Protein backbone atom coordinates (compact mmCIF):
# COMPACT_ATOMS: atom_id res chain seq x y z
CA MET A 1 110.00 -71.98 -19.22
CA SER A 2 113.37 -72.08 -17.53
CA GLU A 3 114.29 -68.39 -17.31
CA ALA A 4 112.55 -65.02 -17.50
CA VAL A 5 113.61 -62.21 -19.76
CA ALA A 6 115.48 -59.41 -18.06
CA VAL A 7 113.52 -56.18 -18.45
CA THR A 8 115.28 -52.87 -18.87
CA GLY A 9 113.84 -49.40 -19.00
CA GLY A 10 112.74 -47.65 -22.13
CA PRO A 11 110.26 -45.14 -23.51
CA GLY A 12 106.68 -45.90 -24.30
CA ALA A 13 104.83 -45.27 -27.53
CA GLY A 14 104.68 -41.86 -29.16
CA SER A 15 102.32 -39.23 -27.86
CA SER A 16 100.05 -39.51 -30.93
CA ILE A 17 99.37 -43.18 -30.21
CA MET A 18 96.77 -44.26 -27.66
CA GLY A 19 98.46 -45.06 -24.38
CA ILE A 20 98.84 -48.67 -23.30
CA ASP A 21 96.97 -47.96 -20.06
CA GLU A 22 93.98 -46.74 -22.07
CA VAL A 23 94.16 -49.80 -24.33
CA GLY A 24 94.10 -52.02 -21.27
CA ALA A 25 91.18 -50.15 -19.74
CA LEU A 26 89.10 -50.31 -22.93
CA ALA A 27 89.98 -53.97 -23.41
CA ALA A 28 88.88 -54.74 -19.86
CA GLY A 29 85.59 -52.98 -20.59
CA ILE A 30 84.99 -55.11 -23.67
CA VAL A 31 85.81 -58.31 -21.79
CA ALA A 32 83.46 -57.37 -18.95
CA ASN A 33 80.71 -56.55 -21.42
CA VAL A 34 81.03 -59.88 -23.23
CA GLU A 35 81.12 -61.74 -19.92
CA THR A 36 77.62 -60.50 -19.12
CA VAL A 37 76.59 -62.94 -21.85
CA ILE A 38 79.38 -65.54 -21.76
CA ALA A 39 79.95 -66.38 -18.10
CA GLY A 40 82.88 -68.37 -16.79
CA LYS A 41 84.83 -68.34 -20.07
CA ARG A 42 87.40 -65.61 -19.44
CA ASP A 43 90.13 -67.35 -21.48
CA ALA A 44 87.92 -67.69 -24.55
CA VAL A 45 86.68 -64.10 -24.30
CA THR A 46 90.20 -62.73 -23.84
CA ALA A 47 91.55 -64.79 -26.74
CA SER A 48 88.81 -63.55 -29.08
CA LEU A 49 89.55 -59.92 -28.19
CA THR A 50 93.28 -60.55 -28.61
CA VAL A 51 92.67 -61.70 -32.18
CA LEU A 52 90.46 -58.68 -32.89
CA LEU A 53 93.11 -56.22 -31.64
CA ALA A 54 95.79 -58.04 -33.65
CA GLU A 55 93.64 -57.75 -36.81
CA GLY A 56 93.52 -61.50 -37.20
CA HIS A 57 90.76 -64.04 -37.78
CA LEU A 58 89.31 -66.40 -35.19
CA LEU A 59 88.06 -69.99 -35.50
CA ILE A 60 85.82 -71.15 -32.65
CA GLU A 61 85.66 -74.94 -32.77
CA ASP A 62 83.52 -76.91 -30.34
CA VAL A 63 80.46 -79.12 -29.94
CA PRO A 64 76.97 -77.67 -30.51
CA GLY A 65 75.25 -75.60 -27.86
CA VAL A 66 78.21 -74.29 -25.86
CA GLY A 67 77.93 -70.67 -27.02
CA LYS A 68 80.23 -70.37 -30.05
CA THR A 69 77.90 -68.13 -32.04
CA MET A 70 76.84 -66.21 -28.94
CA LEU A 71 80.47 -65.37 -28.17
CA ALA A 72 80.94 -64.07 -31.71
CA LYS A 73 77.75 -62.00 -31.48
CA ALA A 74 78.62 -60.63 -28.05
CA LEU A 75 82.05 -59.52 -29.23
CA ALA A 76 80.50 -57.89 -32.30
CA ARG A 77 77.89 -56.01 -30.26
CA SER A 78 80.50 -54.76 -27.81
CA VAL A 79 82.18 -52.75 -30.58
CA ASP A 80 80.39 -50.05 -32.56
CA ALA A 81 81.45 -51.40 -35.96
CA THR A 82 79.71 -52.83 -39.00
CA VAL A 83 78.76 -56.48 -38.49
CA SER A 84 77.40 -59.12 -40.83
CA ARG A 85 76.57 -62.79 -40.44
CA ILE A 86 76.90 -65.55 -43.01
CA GLN A 87 75.12 -68.84 -42.37
CA PHE A 88 77.23 -71.35 -44.25
CA THR A 89 75.20 -74.07 -45.96
CA PRO A 90 76.01 -76.65 -48.69
CA ASP A 91 74.16 -74.61 -51.33
CA LEU A 92 75.88 -71.29 -50.49
CA LEU A 93 77.67 -69.79 -53.50
CA PRO A 94 80.90 -67.75 -53.53
CA SER A 95 78.95 -64.74 -54.80
CA ASP A 96 76.67 -65.02 -51.76
CA VAL A 97 79.74 -64.23 -49.67
CA THR A 98 81.71 -61.71 -51.71
CA GLY A 99 79.05 -60.12 -53.91
CA VAL A 100 77.89 -60.26 -57.49
CA SER A 101 77.83 -58.02 -60.56
CA VAL A 102 74.28 -57.14 -61.64
CA PHE A 103 73.33 -55.52 -64.95
CA ASP A 104 71.66 -52.15 -64.47
CA GLN A 105 69.13 -51.52 -67.25
CA SER A 106 69.10 -47.76 -66.72
CA SER A 107 72.85 -47.25 -66.95
CA ARG A 108 73.37 -50.17 -69.36
CA ARG A 109 76.31 -51.48 -67.38
CA PHE A 110 77.15 -53.99 -64.67
CA GLU A 111 77.24 -52.81 -61.06
CA PHE A 112 78.87 -54.71 -58.24
CA LYS A 113 76.55 -55.49 -55.34
CA ARG A 114 78.65 -56.01 -52.24
CA GLY A 115 78.21 -59.18 -50.25
CA PRO A 116 78.15 -59.66 -46.47
CA VAL A 117 81.94 -59.94 -46.35
CA PHE A 118 82.08 -56.15 -46.63
CA ALA A 119 81.89 -55.47 -42.89
CA ASN A 120 84.34 -54.82 -40.06
CA LEU A 121 83.38 -58.03 -38.28
CA VAL A 122 82.06 -60.99 -40.25
CA ILE A 123 80.50 -63.89 -38.34
CA GLY A 124 80.72 -67.12 -40.32
CA ASP A 125 78.42 -69.64 -38.66
CA GLU A 126 79.19 -73.36 -39.25
CA ILE A 127 81.82 -72.51 -41.84
CA ASN A 128 82.60 -76.16 -42.59
CA ARG A 129 79.09 -76.74 -43.95
CA ALA A 130 79.85 -74.80 -47.14
CA SER A 131 81.50 -76.45 -50.13
CA PRO A 132 85.26 -76.04 -50.67
CA LYS A 133 84.48 -73.72 -53.59
CA THR A 134 82.55 -71.36 -51.34
CA GLN A 135 85.09 -71.62 -48.52
CA SER A 136 87.82 -70.59 -50.97
CA ALA A 137 85.94 -67.33 -51.61
CA LEU A 138 87.23 -66.19 -48.22
CA LEU A 139 90.90 -66.86 -48.96
CA GLU A 140 91.59 -63.55 -50.68
CA CYS A 141 89.42 -61.66 -48.18
CA MET A 142 91.18 -63.05 -45.13
CA GLU A 143 94.75 -62.69 -46.38
CA GLU A 144 94.70 -59.62 -48.64
CA ARG A 145 91.61 -57.89 -47.22
CA GLN A 146 90.14 -57.35 -50.65
CA VAL A 147 87.65 -58.86 -53.09
CA THR A 148 88.34 -59.28 -56.80
CA ALA A 149 85.31 -59.62 -59.07
CA ASP A 150 85.20 -59.35 -62.86
CA GLY A 151 88.74 -57.99 -62.95
CA THR A 152 88.07 -55.23 -60.41
CA THR A 153 89.50 -55.20 -56.90
CA TYR A 154 87.48 -53.82 -53.99
CA ARG A 155 89.23 -53.06 -50.70
CA LEU A 156 87.68 -54.14 -47.42
CA ASP A 157 87.37 -51.50 -44.72
CA ALA A 158 89.72 -51.74 -41.75
CA PRO A 159 89.53 -53.30 -39.30
CA PHE A 160 88.41 -56.55 -40.89
CA THR A 161 88.02 -59.72 -38.83
CA VAL A 162 86.33 -63.03 -39.58
CA VAL A 163 85.00 -64.96 -36.59
CA ALA A 164 84.00 -68.43 -37.77
CA THR A 165 82.44 -71.32 -35.89
CA GLN A 166 82.45 -75.01 -36.64
CA ASN A 167 81.48 -78.31 -35.05
CA PRO A 168 84.43 -80.75 -34.98
CA VAL A 169 82.30 -83.78 -34.10
CA GLU A 170 79.51 -83.95 -36.65
CA MET A 171 80.76 -85.13 -40.06
CA GLU A 172 77.50 -85.50 -42.00
CA GLY A 173 77.09 -82.65 -44.49
CA THR A 174 80.39 -80.98 -43.63
CA TYR A 175 83.57 -80.26 -45.57
CA PRO A 176 86.90 -80.10 -43.73
CA LEU A 177 88.58 -76.73 -43.95
CA PRO A 178 91.55 -76.86 -46.34
CA GLU A 179 94.96 -76.27 -44.79
CA ALA A 180 95.34 -72.97 -46.69
CA GLN A 181 92.23 -71.61 -45.02
CA ARG A 182 93.03 -72.94 -41.55
CA ASP A 183 96.40 -71.23 -41.83
CA ARG A 184 94.66 -67.90 -42.38
CA PHE A 185 92.97 -68.06 -38.99
CA MET A 186 95.21 -66.41 -36.45
CA ALA A 187 93.89 -68.56 -33.61
CA ARG A 188 91.55 -71.41 -32.85
CA ILE A 189 89.80 -71.67 -29.50
CA SER A 190 87.28 -73.96 -27.85
CA MET A 191 84.51 -72.96 -25.45
CA GLY A 192 84.11 -76.10 -23.38
CA TYR A 193 81.11 -76.91 -21.22
CA PRO A 194 80.13 -74.34 -18.57
CA ALA A 195 80.63 -74.90 -14.86
CA SER A 196 77.61 -76.21 -12.95
CA ALA A 197 76.96 -72.84 -11.28
CA ASP A 198 77.06 -70.98 -14.60
CA GLU A 199 74.80 -73.52 -16.28
CA LEU A 200 72.36 -73.31 -13.38
CA ALA A 201 72.31 -69.50 -13.61
CA MET A 202 71.43 -69.76 -17.31
CA LEU A 203 68.18 -71.50 -16.41
CA SER A 204 67.04 -68.39 -14.56
CA THR A 205 68.43 -65.60 -16.73
CA ARG A 206 67.53 -66.94 -20.17
CA GLU A 207 63.98 -68.17 -19.70
CA THR A 208 62.25 -65.20 -21.33
CA LYS A 209 64.90 -63.44 -23.44
CA SER A 210 68.45 -63.59 -24.70
CA PRO A 211 71.11 -61.63 -22.79
CA LEU A 212 72.26 -60.28 -26.15
CA ASP A 213 69.12 -58.11 -26.24
CA ASP A 214 70.53 -55.79 -23.56
CA LEU A 215 74.10 -55.74 -24.84
CA SER A 216 75.38 -52.45 -26.28
CA ALA A 217 78.69 -51.19 -27.63
CA VAL A 218 81.27 -50.00 -25.11
CA VAL A 219 83.94 -49.01 -27.66
CA SER A 220 83.48 -46.87 -30.77
CA LEU A 221 84.94 -47.77 -34.15
CA GLU A 222 87.50 -44.96 -33.87
CA GLU A 223 88.55 -46.18 -30.42
CA LEU A 224 88.93 -49.70 -31.78
CA ARG A 225 91.13 -48.43 -34.60
CA SER A 226 93.24 -46.49 -32.11
CA MET A 227 93.60 -49.61 -29.97
CA ILE A 228 94.74 -51.62 -32.99
CA GLU A 229 97.24 -48.90 -33.92
CA ALA A 230 98.62 -48.89 -30.38
CA VAL A 231 99.01 -52.67 -30.50
CA GLN A 232 101.01 -52.38 -33.71
CA HIS A 233 103.50 -50.13 -31.90
CA VAL A 234 104.10 -52.56 -29.05
CA PHE A 235 107.83 -53.29 -29.00
CA THR A 236 109.19 -56.78 -29.71
CA SER A 237 112.87 -57.30 -28.97
CA GLN A 238 115.14 -59.31 -31.23
CA PRO A 239 115.52 -62.18 -28.70
CA VAL A 240 111.73 -62.52 -28.43
CA LYS A 241 111.40 -62.56 -32.22
CA GLU A 242 114.07 -65.25 -32.38
CA TYR A 243 112.16 -67.23 -29.75
CA ALA A 244 109.00 -67.15 -31.90
CA VAL A 245 111.01 -68.31 -34.93
CA ASP A 246 112.60 -71.10 -32.88
CA LEU A 247 109.17 -72.38 -31.86
CA ALA A 248 107.92 -72.38 -35.44
CA ARG A 249 111.05 -74.13 -36.73
CA ALA A 250 110.78 -76.72 -33.97
CA THR A 251 107.33 -77.71 -35.24
CA ARG A 252 108.76 -78.24 -38.73
CA ASP A 253 111.46 -80.58 -37.42
CA ASP A 254 109.34 -82.49 -34.89
CA ARG A 255 109.05 -86.22 -35.56
CA GLN A 256 105.42 -86.32 -34.45
CA LEU A 257 104.38 -83.76 -37.09
CA ARG A 258 104.22 -84.12 -40.85
CA LEU A 259 103.22 -80.46 -41.34
CA GLY A 260 104.72 -77.72 -39.18
CA ALA A 261 103.92 -74.03 -38.71
CA SER A 262 104.19 -71.72 -41.70
CA PRO A 263 106.01 -68.36 -41.78
CA ARG A 264 102.54 -66.80 -41.64
CA ALA A 265 102.06 -68.57 -38.31
CA THR A 266 105.23 -66.94 -36.95
CA LEU A 267 104.04 -63.50 -38.04
CA GLN A 268 100.63 -63.99 -36.50
CA LEU A 269 102.10 -65.39 -33.28
CA VAL A 270 104.11 -62.19 -32.77
CA ARG A 271 101.15 -59.96 -33.70
CA ALA A 272 98.91 -61.78 -31.25
CA ALA A 273 101.62 -61.52 -28.58
CA LYS A 274 101.68 -57.75 -29.06
CA ALA A 275 97.93 -57.57 -28.42
CA HIS A 276 98.29 -59.86 -25.42
CA ALA A 277 101.00 -57.62 -23.97
CA ALA A 278 98.95 -54.44 -24.52
CA MET A 279 95.90 -55.97 -22.85
CA HIS A 280 98.10 -56.70 -19.84
CA GLY A 281 99.37 -53.11 -19.63
CA ARG A 282 102.77 -53.54 -21.29
CA ASP A 283 104.24 -51.80 -24.33
CA PHE A 284 106.71 -54.64 -24.88
CA VAL A 285 106.38 -58.37 -25.55
CA LEU A 286 107.67 -61.04 -23.18
CA PRO A 287 108.27 -64.73 -23.94
CA ASP A 288 105.34 -65.32 -21.58
CA ASP A 289 103.08 -63.68 -24.18
CA ILE A 290 104.39 -66.05 -26.84
CA ASP A 291 103.94 -69.07 -24.54
CA ALA A 292 100.38 -68.08 -23.64
CA LEU A 293 99.35 -67.99 -27.30
CA ALA A 294 101.39 -70.87 -28.70
CA VAL A 295 98.60 -73.45 -28.54
CA PRO A 296 95.70 -71.32 -29.91
CA VAL A 297 97.88 -69.79 -32.66
CA LEU A 298 99.91 -72.83 -33.75
CA ALA A 299 97.95 -76.00 -32.97
CA HIS A 300 95.27 -75.79 -35.68
CA ARG A 301 97.92 -75.40 -38.40
CA LEU A 302 99.83 -78.56 -37.52
CA VAL A 303 99.23 -82.07 -38.86
CA PRO A 304 100.41 -85.07 -36.83
CA THR A 305 101.91 -88.24 -38.29
CA SER A 306 99.87 -91.43 -38.41
CA ARG A 307 102.26 -93.06 -35.96
CA ALA A 308 101.78 -90.25 -33.45
CA LEU A 309 98.01 -90.50 -33.74
CA GLY A 310 98.10 -94.25 -33.22
CA ALA A 311 100.26 -94.01 -30.11
CA HIS A 312 98.35 -91.14 -28.51
CA ASP A 313 96.21 -91.72 -25.43
CA ARG A 314 92.97 -89.85 -26.15
CA ASP A 315 92.25 -89.49 -22.45
CA ALA A 316 95.32 -87.25 -22.25
CA GLY A 317 93.65 -84.53 -24.34
CA PRO A 318 94.19 -83.32 -27.92
CA LEU A 319 97.42 -84.63 -29.41
CA ILE A 320 98.37 -81.42 -31.23
CA ASP A 321 97.93 -79.30 -28.10
CA ALA A 322 100.18 -81.67 -26.18
CA ILE A 323 102.83 -81.52 -28.90
CA VAL A 324 102.83 -77.71 -28.91
CA ARG A 325 103.11 -77.57 -25.13
CA ARG A 326 106.01 -80.03 -25.25
CA ILE A 327 107.79 -77.96 -27.90
CA VAL A 328 107.31 -74.80 -25.82
CA GLY A 329 108.79 -76.57 -22.82
CA GLU A 330 111.78 -77.84 -24.80
CA THR A 331 112.61 -74.57 -26.59
CA PRO A 332 115.20 -72.41 -24.75
CA VAL A 333 113.83 -69.09 -23.54
CA PRO A 334 115.91 -66.04 -24.56
CA VAL A 335 117.59 -63.85 -21.99
CA GLY A 336 117.89 -60.23 -23.10
CA SER A 337 116.20 -56.88 -23.27
CA ALA A 338 112.41 -56.95 -23.62
CA ARG A 339 112.04 -53.18 -23.97
CA ARG A 340 113.69 -50.46 -25.99
CA ASN A 341 116.97 -49.32 -24.49
């Protein structure tokens, strides 16, 4: 980033909307609560909460045993909302996810029995183990927040967030997520291995019970909805919007990529940036918010060329992440008002 945005004064959100200071305080409480279970992973915890407040969906992708499912469970237990878990397996059917119509003998008609997707927070464990047919059952849910069965549409209660996990290493018995579904995830994060001190502490604290047993909600469902509403009212200036569009367009023109970011990616990048700003006590978005989220929001949507893959040094880290960081560094940062005048 070569220049910072000049910030000018302006009013905050309306009096009927939760104040940004309160959003930040509640967000900090959720992060602290989750960190009693997930130690030493502040970036992953913060990113997962950012997605929740932006009403997006989160993909946690990493090797087995690093706490992917525990992070999802800890986030779910920190909020007093309805939660369901779906264990994705090769024999899972679409109706096992969305629901099924059952004939009621007494009323002589079919009744729709809602599936586990009808919850505020849906944990999809090992999502890439289900068949493409079952994975596609989530497409309508994730994008339109509704389920259509037998010609009838059922709305999903707000907020609605899918937190899915998958193992990127093991290939036996897995089905790669189609691009259409990957694009519906607002962000993808990795946990990484814990630091030695954190791993050593686990040996003492988790011998007899799981730390999830003592975890309780610190935010009510109404407070969560108010936080989400406040995030929606975070101001994004025209120069910052143009910056997000420039980043997305740069991925479409990059020679190392054969598939760039979609318009949905641009929308979700700005929405996530609003949540990021609110969590940091601001009612306006800076380019720094966009930069901080560029890799988790954009990288999993991009497809590199074969030539780029062949020339990449694997010791240098993931290729796509490096490409996104390069594009961020090459894209001019706007200079203008970040707040309402």
